[in-house]
Amino acid sequence: MRVVMKFGGTSVGNAEAIRQVAKIVAENHREHEVVLVVSAMNAPDLRTTDTLIAAAHAAAAGDGDATAEVAPRLLAMHMEVASALAKPSDCPALEEELRTMLAYLSNLSRSIAILGELTPRALDLFSGLGERLNARLIAAALRGAGLDACAVDATELIVTDERYGMASPLMDETREQVRACLQPMLLAGQVPVVTGFIGATRDGVPTTLGRGGSDYSCSILGAALDVQEVWFWKEVDGVLSANPKLVPAAHTLPRLSYSEMGEMAYYGANVLHPKTVQPLVQRGIPIHIRNTFNPAHPGTVISNEQSSGTAKAVTAIKDVTLITVGGPGMLGLTGVAARIFGAVARAGSNNLLISQASSEQSVCLAVPRAEAGAAVAELRAELANDFSAHDVEHIGVLECTIIAVVGSGMRGTPGIAGRIFGALGHAGINIIAIAQGSTENNISLVVAPADADAAVQAIHQSFRL
């Protein structure tokens, strides 16, 4: 069987964690062809990507030596692990390669300080260096464990558009390059260790894939290679029924459908980013969520298969603003909804939830709090004439939290909404707005931020999750 495995920052955060990664890969390589995707190293006191991004912004503010100042710490952190896990004969060449990469970025930092400008294209070079450093380190660690491993930059594999900082893969070209590069390595028994998070344009300019980019890299490679399974190794035992910090009784869900995982990811479950699931859904490739530090646990399997049960999990998105546009003249006002959503889109804001009563006298939508100011300003500009005519009379803003109850088994099951509302009513929690998609996989509720934790706990207890 051919699999792609992804190990996140915590799973590769120190020598002991990387030793565990090497053990897992070695055990699975006996039976499977394995492609490895890795994030940057995240030690508790030195998070590589955050450190590099901070240095880039410091350079733009005039501190040209910011990267040169942190480079020795980054080099020392990686080489300390190498000295513990890699072959001694590998260490000098590895150190020279890492030193050269950091020196290049230090020089770029000084250029940015002179120009006083940090472009998205330049920032992608800083953001992606952590994965490039760590892929080489982990390949050396795997060779130290007896595996034939080789680091591969995803800039040679994943072809993207030119949206620096949030690039999207061009899948046809990516599939061609991935197969040309990785297929021969796998057939020769090698373990490719691929950088997560990064790609490159058709012209070879490095890009990054945005939030959740390393997980996204893994799914892109899995789809391009038509693997049998994709495994994401995390620091948890799988996907949980709720945030265990809020609900100590939360448990691991053994199976989820793609649609359930997509809903949970969108509404605050931090296990996988929503984009991650898309390439694998299209090709029907199952996903496993496993625990690096508890590999005996079966984890969660995500696939096309519909699992049993009604509600599966309850999640929350905090730091949300509910924007309400209302007025008596909106009744029958043709195209007003399109204008509202168009204005929010022009502001670059993401609609997390939409609700409208049948009276048509108000429309409410939820957006991330950080995007609310721009969205409201754009709405006021768009609806200025409607305000003058008193068709629209107010634009209200309210800080809130979205609670999402997810489960494909809720579809067509009577009484689900009643149980949710009853649980919140019994807990004394007011529901501000409600939305449910036509798939019935998700019922979303808007509550006050102060009620968010209690709402999650009440619903979780009501469904005995």
Protein backbone atom coordinates (compact mmCIF):
# COMPACT_ATOMS: atom_id res chain seq x y z
CA MET A 1 0.00 0.00 0.00
CA ARG A 2 1.15 3.53 -0.74
CA VAL A 3 0.55 6.18 1.95
CA VAL A 4 1.42 9.82 2.56
CA MET A 5 2.11 10.69 6.20
CA LYS A 6 2.16 14.19 7.63
CA PHE A 7 3.83 15.10 10.93
CA GLY A 8 3.03 18.52 12.40
CA GLY A 9 5.20 20.96 14.33
CA THR A 10 4.68 19.41 17.77
CA SER A 11 5.40 15.94 16.38
CA VAL A 12 8.79 17.17 15.15
CA GLY A 13 9.53 19.63 17.95
CA ASN A 14 12.61 18.02 19.54
CA ALA A 15 14.95 15.05 19.35
CA GLU A 16 12.70 12.70 21.30
CA ALA A 17 9.68 13.53 19.13
CA ILE A 18 11.66 13.08 15.91
CA ARG A 19 13.02 9.78 17.22
CA GLN A 20 9.39 8.68 17.62
CA VAL A 21 8.64 9.84 14.08
CA ALA A 22 11.56 7.77 12.76
CA LYS A 23 10.27 4.73 14.65
CA ILE A 24 6.76 5.11 13.20
CA VAL A 25 8.05 5.59 9.67
CA ALA A 26 10.44 2.63 9.93
CA GLU A 27 7.70 0.31 11.19
CA ASN A 28 5.31 1.29 8.40
CA HIS A 29 7.96 1.29 5.70
CA ARG A 30 8.30 -2.48 6.14
CA GLU A 31 4.83 -2.91 4.63
CA HIS A 32 4.09 0.30 2.74
CA GLU A 33 5.57 2.80 0.34
CA VAL A 34 5.78 5.96 2.44
CA VAL A 35 5.96 9.63 1.49
CA LEU A 36 6.61 11.91 4.45
CA VAL A 37 5.45 15.55 4.72
CA VAL A 38 6.83 17.64 7.58
CA SER A 39 6.18 21.02 9.16
CA ALA A 40 8.76 23.37 10.60
CA MET A 41 10.20 22.52 14.01
CA ASN A 42 8.28 24.02 16.91
CA ALA A 43 10.20 23.94 20.16
CA PRO A 44 8.41 25.46 23.19
CA ASP A 45 10.79 28.41 23.33
CA LEU A 46 11.52 28.79 19.62
CA ARG A 47 8.75 28.42 17.04
CA THR A 48 10.62 28.46 13.75
CA THR A 49 8.05 29.95 11.37
CA ASP A 50 6.83 32.59 13.84
CA THR A 51 10.45 33.57 14.53
CA LEU A 52 11.27 33.93 10.83
CA ILE A 53 8.13 35.95 10.09
CA ALA A 54 8.89 38.26 13.01
CA ALA A 55 12.42 38.75 11.65
CA ALA A 56 11.02 39.61 8.22
CA HIS A 57 8.74 42.29 9.67
CA ALA A 58 11.59 43.63 11.80
CA ALA A 59 13.67 43.96 8.64
CA ALA A 60 10.87 45.91 6.95
CA ALA A 61 10.90 48.23 9.97
CA GLY A 62 14.61 48.86 9.47
CA ASP A 63 16.34 46.11 11.48
CA GLY A 64 18.39 44.46 8.76
CA ASP A 65 20.22 42.21 11.22
CA ALA A 66 17.06 40.64 12.67
CA THR A 67 17.41 37.39 10.74
CA ALA A 68 21.17 37.17 11.31
CA GLU A 69 20.52 37.48 15.04
CA VAL A 70 18.08 34.53 15.20
CA ALA A 71 19.90 32.36 12.62
CA PRO A 72 22.46 30.95 15.11
CA ARG A 73 19.68 29.86 17.46
CA LEU A 74 17.79 28.15 14.66
CA LEU A 75 20.94 26.45 13.41
CA ALA A 76 21.87 25.28 16.90
CA MET A 77 18.36 23.90 17.53
CA HIS A 78 18.40 21.81 14.37
CA MET A 79 21.98 20.63 14.74
CA GLU A 80 21.43 19.60 18.35
CA VAL A 81 18.80 17.16 17.12
CA ALA A 82 21.05 16.07 14.25
CA SER A 83 23.88 15.26 16.63
CA ALA A 84 21.52 12.98 18.57
CA LEU A 85 19.82 11.22 15.65
CA ALA A 86 21.77 11.54 12.41
CA LYS A 87 24.84 9.63 11.33
CA PRO A 88 27.98 11.53 12.41
CA SER A 89 29.16 11.45 8.82
CA ASP A 90 25.98 13.31 7.72
CA CYS A 91 26.27 16.18 10.18
CA PRO A 92 28.96 18.37 8.56
CA ALA A 93 27.20 18.49 5.18
CA LEU A 94 23.83 19.07 6.85
CA GLU A 95 25.19 21.93 8.94
CA GLU A 96 26.76 23.57 5.91
CA GLU A 97 23.50 23.31 3.95
CA LEU A 98 21.40 24.79 6.76
CA ARG A 99 23.95 27.53 7.37
CA THR A 100 23.87 28.50 3.68
CA MET A 101 20.06 28.69 3.65
CA LEU A 102 20.00 30.89 6.75
CA ALA A 103 22.76 33.13 5.35
CA TYR A 104 20.75 33.70 2.18
CA LEU A 105 17.77 34.81 4.24
CA SER A 106 19.97 37.06 6.37
CA ASN A 107 21.19 38.81 3.23
CA LEU A 108 17.62 39.15 1.99
CA SER A 109 16.69 40.66 5.36
CA ARG A 110 19.31 43.39 4.94
CA SER A 111 17.97 44.17 1.46
CA ILE A 112 14.45 44.48 2.81
CA ALA A 113 15.68 46.87 5.51
CA ILE A 114 17.26 49.09 2.84
CA LEU A 115 14.09 49.10 0.72
CA GLY A 116 11.80 49.46 3.73
CA GLU A 117 9.26 47.14 2.12
CA LEU A 118 8.31 43.51 2.70
CA THR A 119 6.40 42.15 -0.29
CA PRO A 120 4.15 39.04 -0.02
CA ARG A 121 6.57 37.27 -2.36
CA ALA A 122 9.53 37.99 -0.05
CA LEU A 123 7.52 37.04 3.04
CA ASP A 124 6.84 33.62 1.51
CA LEU A 125 10.60 33.01 1.38
CA PHE A 126 10.83 33.64 5.12
CA SER A 127 7.67 31.70 5.97
CA GLY A 128 8.71 28.57 4.10
CA LEU A 129 12.30 28.27 5.29
CA GLY A 130 11.39 26.36 8.47
CA GLU A 131 9.98 23.45 6.48
CA ARG A 132 13.05 23.40 4.23
CA LEU A 133 15.38 23.26 7.24
CA ASN A 134 13.38 20.55 8.98
CA ALA A 135 12.92 18.30 5.94
CA ARG A 136 16.70 18.01 5.64
CA LEU A 137 17.07 17.35 9.36
CA ILE A 138 14.39 14.64 9.42
CA ALA A 139 15.76 12.97 6.30
CA ALA A 140 19.12 12.78 8.09
CA ALA A 141 17.41 11.40 11.21
CA LEU A 142 15.68 8.70 9.14
CA ARG A 143 18.98 7.75 7.54
CA GLY A 144 20.38 7.48 11.07
CA ALA A 145 17.56 5.00 11.76
CA GLY A 146 18.56 2.89 8.77
CA LEU A 147 16.12 4.21 6.14
CA ASP A 148 17.03 5.45 2.67
CA ALA A 149 15.52 8.93 3.02
CA CYS A 150 15.95 12.07 0.94
CA ALA A 151 14.66 15.61 1.45
CA VAL A 152 12.57 17.06 -1.38
CA ASP A 153 11.47 20.70 -1.58
CA ALA A 154 7.81 20.98 -2.52
CA THR A 155 8.82 23.83 -4.83
CA GLU A 156 9.84 21.01 -7.18
CA LEU A 157 6.47 19.29 -6.84
CA ILE A 158 3.52 21.59 -6.16
CA VAL A 159 2.79 24.10 -8.92
CA THR A 160 0.65 27.02 -7.74
CA ASP A 161 -0.85 30.28 -8.89
CA GLU A 162 0.81 33.56 -7.93
CA ARG A 163 -1.30 34.43 -4.86
CA TYR A 164 1.65 34.77 -2.49
CA GLY A 165 0.74 33.87 1.06
CA MET A 166 -2.41 31.99 0.02
CA ALA A 167 -1.50 30.12 -3.16
CA SER A 168 -3.71 27.44 -4.74
CA PRO A 169 -2.31 24.35 -6.47
CA LEU A 170 -2.60 23.83 -10.21
CA MET A 171 -3.44 20.15 -9.91
CA ASP A 172 -2.80 18.90 -13.46
CA GLU A 173 0.72 20.31 -13.54
CA THR A 174 1.31 19.32 -9.93
CA ARG A 175 0.27 15.72 -10.61
CA GLU A 176 2.71 15.52 -13.50
CA GLN A 177 5.64 16.85 -11.46
CA VAL A 178 4.83 14.80 -8.35
CA ARG A 179 4.71 11.56 -10.29
CA ALA A 180 7.84 12.32 -12.26
CA CYS A 181 9.82 13.07 -9.09
CA LEU A 182 8.40 10.78 -6.40
CA GLN A 183 7.37 7.64 -8.29
CA PRO A 184 10.97 6.59 -9.08
CA MET A 185 12.02 7.22 -5.48
CA LEU A 186 9.20 5.07 -4.11
CA LEU A 187 9.88 2.26 -6.57
CA ALA A 188 13.53 2.32 -5.45
CA GLY A 189 12.46 1.91 -1.80
CA GLN A 190 13.33 5.46 -0.76
CA VAL A 191 11.38 7.62 1.70
CA PRO A 192 10.89 11.13 0.27
CA VAL A 193 10.73 13.74 3.05
CA VAL A 194 8.78 16.61 1.51
CA THR A 195 8.47 20.15 2.83
CA GLY A 196 4.94 21.09 3.80
CA PHE A 197 3.37 24.52 3.38
CA ILE A 198 5.26 25.61 0.27
CA GLY A 199 5.03 25.36 -3.51
CA ALA A 200 6.20 27.39 -6.49
CA THR A 201 4.73 29.19 -9.47
CA ARG A 202 5.20 27.96 -13.03
CA ASP A 203 8.28 30.20 -13.12
CA GLY A 204 9.71 28.54 -10.00
CA VAL A 205 9.06 31.42 -7.59
CA PRO A 206 8.41 30.02 -4.07
CA THR A 207 4.91 30.43 -2.64
CA THR A 208 3.10 29.32 0.51
CA LEU A 209 -0.31 27.64 0.76
CA GLY A 210 -1.70 29.67 3.66
CA ARG A 211 -3.23 28.52 6.94
CA GLY A 212 -3.08 24.74 7.37
CA GLY A 213 -0.66 24.67 4.45
CA SER A 214 1.41 21.68 5.55
CA ASP A 215 -1.69 19.51 5.95
CA TYR A 216 -2.87 20.80 2.59
CA SER A 217 0.48 19.81 1.04
CA CYS A 218 -0.05 16.29 2.32
CA SER A 219 -3.49 15.96 0.75
CA ILE A 220 -2.28 17.47 -2.54
CA LEU A 221 0.51 14.87 -2.75
CA GLY A 222 -1.87 12.08 -1.76
CA ALA A 223 -4.30 13.02 -4.51
CA ALA A 224 -1.53 13.48 -7.09
CA LEU A 225 -0.10 10.02 -6.34
CA ASP A 226 -3.53 8.34 -5.98
CA VAL A 227 -2.38 6.79 -2.70
CA GLN A 228 -4.52 4.29 -0.83
CA GLU A 229 -4.59 6.35 2.40
CA VAL A 230 -3.36 9.62 3.91
CA TRP A 231 -2.30 9.67 7.58
CA PHE A 232 -2.09 12.84 9.65
CA TRP A 233 -0.04 12.37 12.81
CA LYS A 234 -1.02 14.85 15.52
CA GLU A 235 -0.62 15.20 19.28
CA VAL A 236 -4.21 13.99 19.90
CA ASP A 237 -5.85 10.56 19.58
CA GLY A 238 -8.04 11.64 16.66
CA VAL A 239 -11.02 13.92 16.15
CA LEU A 240 -12.83 14.54 19.44
CA SER A 241 -16.53 15.10 20.06
CA ALA A 242 -15.75 18.50 21.62
CA ASN A 243 -12.85 20.57 22.89
CA PRO A 244 -11.58 18.52 25.87
CA LYS A 245 -10.56 21.73 27.66
CA LEU A 246 -14.26 22.60 27.80
CA VAL A 247 -15.72 19.09 27.98
CA PRO A 248 -13.56 16.60 29.91
CA ALA A 249 -15.92 13.81 28.81
CA ALA A 250 -15.15 14.43 25.12
CA HIS A 251 -14.10 11.23 23.35
CA THR A 252 -12.42 10.20 20.11
CA LEU A 253 -14.78 9.68 17.17
CA PRO A 254 -13.77 6.41 15.46
CA ARG A 255 -15.32 7.27 12.07
CA LEU A 256 -16.47 10.41 10.30
CA SER A 257 -17.70 11.13 6.79
CA TYR A 258 -15.95 13.69 4.62
CA SER A 259 -18.91 16.05 4.97
CA GLU A 260 -18.88 15.78 8.76
CA MET A 261 -15.16 16.49 8.90
CA GLY A 262 -15.57 19.42 6.53
CA GLU A 263 -18.28 20.95 8.72
CA MET A 264 -16.25 20.42 11.90
CA ALA A 265 -13.10 21.88 10.38
CA TYR A 266 -14.97 24.93 9.11
CA TYR A 267 -16.60 25.52 12.47
CA GLY A 268 -13.62 25.50 14.73
CA ALA A 269 -12.25 21.95 15.06
CA ASN A 270 -8.51 22.56 14.73
CA VAL A 271 -7.55 19.04 13.64
CA LEU A 272 -7.70 19.71 9.88
CA HIS A 273 -8.18 22.83 7.81
CA PRO A 274 -11.24 22.68 5.49
CA LYS A 275 -9.09 22.96 2.35
CA THR A 276 -7.17 19.86 3.41
CA VAL A 277 -10.09 17.53 2.86
CA GLN A 278 -11.01 18.71 -0.65
CA PRO A 279 -8.39 16.98 -2.86
CA LEU A 280 -8.93 13.68 -1.04
CA VAL A 281 -12.74 13.81 -1.21
CA GLN A 282 -12.56 14.25 -4.98
CA ARG A 283 -10.57 11.01 -5.32
CA GLY A 284 -12.20 9.07 -2.46
CA ILE A 285 -8.97 8.63 -0.48
CA PRO A 286 -9.52 7.79 3.21
CA ILE A 287 -7.91 9.94 5.90
CA HIS A 288 -6.52 8.66 9.21
CA ILE A 289 -5.92 10.96 12.18
CA ARG A 290 -3.39 9.32 14.53
CA ASN A 291 -1.41 10.31 17.62
CA THR A 292 2.37 10.47 17.20
CA PHE A 293 2.85 9.93 20.92
CA ASN A 294 0.23 7.17 21.22
CA PRO A 295 0.54 5.25 17.94
CA ALA A 296 -1.30 2.19 19.30
CA HIS A 297 -4.54 4.19 19.41
CA PRO A 298 -6.65 3.58 16.26
CA GLY A 299 -7.53 7.26 15.94
CA THR A 300 -10.21 8.52 13.55
CA VAL A 301 -10.92 7.34 10.00
CA ILE A 302 -12.54 9.83 7.60
CA SER A 303 -14.02 8.49 4.38
CA ASN A 304 -17.06 8.36 2.08
CA GLU A 305 -18.68 5.88 4.41
CA GLN A 306 -21.60 7.29 6.39
CA SER A 307 -21.22 6.57 10.09
CA SER A 308 -23.98 5.80 12.56
CA GLY A 309 -25.51 8.12 15.13
CA THR A 310 -27.20 11.50 14.97
CA ALA A 311 -25.19 14.41 16.36
CA LYS A 312 -21.49 13.55 16.48
CA ALA A 313 -19.74 16.61 17.78
CA VAL A 314 -20.18 20.17 18.92
CA THR A 315 -17.67 22.87 18.03
CA ALA A 316 -17.37 26.62 18.50
CA ILE A 317 -15.94 29.58 16.60
CA LYS A 318 -15.10 32.47 18.90
CA ASP A 319 -14.10 36.05 18.07
CA VAL A 320 -17.03 36.47 15.68
CA THR A 321 -19.11 39.56 14.92
CA LEU A 322 -22.77 39.35 13.90
CA ILE A 323 -23.72 42.12 11.46
CA THR A 324 -27.44 42.83 11.02
CA VAL A 325 -28.75 44.96 8.15
CA GLY A 326 -32.41 45.92 8.60
CA GLY A 327 -35.20 48.31 7.69
CA PRO A 328 -38.85 48.21 6.66
CA GLY A 329 -38.06 49.17 3.09
CA MET A 330 -36.08 45.98 2.55
CA LEU A 331 -39.33 44.04 2.12
CA GLY A 332 -39.41 43.13 -1.56
CA LEU A 333 -36.38 45.30 -2.36
CA THR A 334 -34.97 43.39 -5.34
CA GLY A 335 -31.29 42.46 -5.20
CA VAL A 336 -30.60 43.84 -1.72
CA ALA A 337 -29.21 40.53 -0.46
CA ALA A 338 -26.82 40.32 -3.41
CA ARG A 339 -25.66 43.87 -2.72
CA ILE A 340 -25.08 43.09 0.96
CA PHE A 341 -23.02 39.98 0.23
CA GLY A 342 -21.18 41.75 -2.58
CA ALA A 343 -20.16 44.57 -0.25
CA VAL A 344 -18.88 42.12 2.36
CA ALA A 345 -16.94 40.28 -0.36
CA ARG A 346 -15.34 43.52 -1.55
CA ALA A 347 -14.16 44.07 2.01
CA GLY A 348 -12.35 40.74 1.81
CA SER A 349 -14.44 39.30 4.62
CA ASN A 350 -15.57 35.69 4.99
CA ASN A 351 -19.22 34.92 5.76
CA LEU A 352 -19.31 32.28 8.48
CA LEU A 353 -23.11 32.19 8.86
CA ILE A 354 -26.13 33.80 7.15
CA SER A 355 -29.69 34.08 8.46
CA GLN A 356 -32.80 35.91 7.22
CA ALA A 357 -36.36 35.89 8.52
CA SER A 358 -39.26 35.43 6.08
CA SER A 359 -40.32 39.03 6.72
CA GLU A 360 -37.28 40.10 4.65
CA GLN A 361 -36.86 43.12 6.94
CA SER A 362 -33.42 42.09 8.15
CA VAL A 363 -30.44 40.04 7.07
CA CYS A 364 -27.75 38.98 9.51
CA LEU A 365 -24.37 37.51 8.75
CA ALA A 366 -21.44 36.51 10.92
CA VAL A 367 -17.84 37.38 10.04
CA PRO A 368 -14.51 37.05 11.87
CA ARG A 369 -14.16 39.90 14.37
CA ALA A 370 -10.96 41.16 12.75
CA GLU A 371 -12.82 41.63 9.44
CA ALA A 372 -15.95 43.27 10.81
CA GLY A 373 -14.82 46.91 10.62
CA ALA A 374 -13.99 46.75 6.92
CA ALA A 375 -17.22 44.87 6.18
CA VAL A 376 -19.40 47.44 7.97
CA ALA A 377 -17.65 50.34 6.22
CA GLU A 378 -18.22 48.73 2.82
CA LEU A 379 -21.87 48.04 3.68
CA ARG A 380 -22.47 51.68 4.70
CA ALA A 381 -20.99 52.86 1.41
CA GLU A 382 -23.02 50.39 -0.65
CA LEU A 383 -26.32 51.17 1.11
CA ALA A 384 -25.89 54.95 1.47
CA ASN A 385 -28.79 55.76 -0.90
CA ASP A 386 -31.01 53.20 0.82
CA PHE A 387 -30.33 54.87 4.15
CA SER A 388 -31.33 58.22 2.65
CA ALA A 389 -34.59 56.68 1.40
CA HIS A 390 -35.14 54.98 4.78
CA ASP A 391 -35.36 51.58 3.07
CA VAL A 392 -32.46 50.53 5.29
CA GLU A 393 -32.45 52.02 8.76
CA HIS A 394 -29.69 50.30 10.69
CA ILE A 395 -26.55 48.22 10.53
CA GLY A 396 -26.13 46.50 13.88
CA VAL A 397 -22.94 44.94 15.22
CA LEU A 398 -22.80 42.36 18.00
CA GLU A 399 -19.87 40.31 19.33
CA CYS A 400 -20.81 36.64 19.46
CA THR A 401 -19.78 32.98 19.21
CA ILE A 402 -21.04 30.40 16.70
CA ILE A 403 -21.87 26.96 18.09
CA ALA A 404 -22.12 24.19 15.48
CA VAL A 405 -23.70 20.77 16.07
CA VAL A 406 -22.46 18.33 13.43
CA GLY A 407 -23.59 14.87 12.35
CA SER A 408 -24.84 13.35 9.09
CA GLY A 409 -27.26 11.19 11.09
CA MET A 410 -29.23 14.32 12.00
CA ARG A 411 -30.64 14.38 8.46
CA GLY A 412 -34.34 13.57 8.56
CA THR A 413 -34.31 12.72 12.27
CA PRO A 414 -37.18 14.44 14.10
CA GLY A 415 -36.53 16.27 17.33
CA ILE A 416 -32.84 17.12 16.90
CA ALA A 417 -33.40 20.89 16.92
CA GLY A 418 -35.76 20.51 19.87
CA ARG A 419 -33.11 18.71 21.91
CA ILE A 420 -30.55 21.42 21.12
CA PHE A 421 -32.89 24.29 21.98
CA GLY A 422 -34.14 22.47 25.06
CA ALA A 423 -30.61 21.90 26.33
CA LEU A 424 -29.72 25.56 25.89
CA GLY A 425 -33.01 26.72 27.39
CA HIS A 426 -32.49 24.51 30.43
CA ALA A 427 -29.01 26.06 30.81
CA GLY A 428 -30.48 29.56 30.59
CA ILE A 429 -28.69 30.40 27.33
CA ASN A 430 -30.30 32.75 24.81
CA ILE A 431 -30.03 31.94 21.10
CA ILE A 432 -29.41 35.06 19.03
CA ALA A 433 -29.60 33.55 15.53
CA ILE A 434 -29.95 30.14 13.88
CA ALA A 435 -28.85 28.66 10.55
CA GLN A 436 -29.11 25.18 9.05
CA GLY A 437 -27.80 24.03 5.68
CA SER A 438 -29.94 21.99 3.30
CA THR A 439 -27.72 18.94 3.87
CA GLU A 440 -28.85 18.92 7.52
CA ASN A 441 -25.30 17.95 8.57
CA ASN A 442 -24.98 21.07 10.67
CA ILE A 443 -27.16 23.20 12.90
CA SER A 444 -25.43 26.48 13.77
CA LEU A 445 -26.43 28.77 16.61
CA VAL A 446 -25.22 32.23 17.57
CA VAL A 447 -24.85 32.91 21.29
CA ALA A 448 -23.22 35.57 23.44
CA PRO A 449 -19.47 35.03 24.04
CA ALA A 450 -20.08 34.63 27.78
CA ASP A 451 -22.43 31.70 27.08
CA ALA A 452 -20.20 29.86 24.59
CA ASP A 453 -18.51 27.35 26.90
CA ALA A 454 -21.72 26.51 28.73
CA ALA A 455 -23.53 26.04 25.40
CA VAL A 456 -20.96 23.51 24.19
CA GLN A 457 -21.15 21.64 27.49
CA ALA A 458 -24.96 21.60 27.56
CA ILE A 459 -25.32 20.27 24.01
CA HIS A 460 -22.58 17.68 24.48
CA GLN A 461 -24.33 16.40 27.60
CA SER A 462 -27.77 16.45 25.96
CA PHE A 463 -26.69 14.11 23.15
CA ARG A 464 -24.56 12.01 25.53
CA LEU A 465 -21.63 12.48 23.17
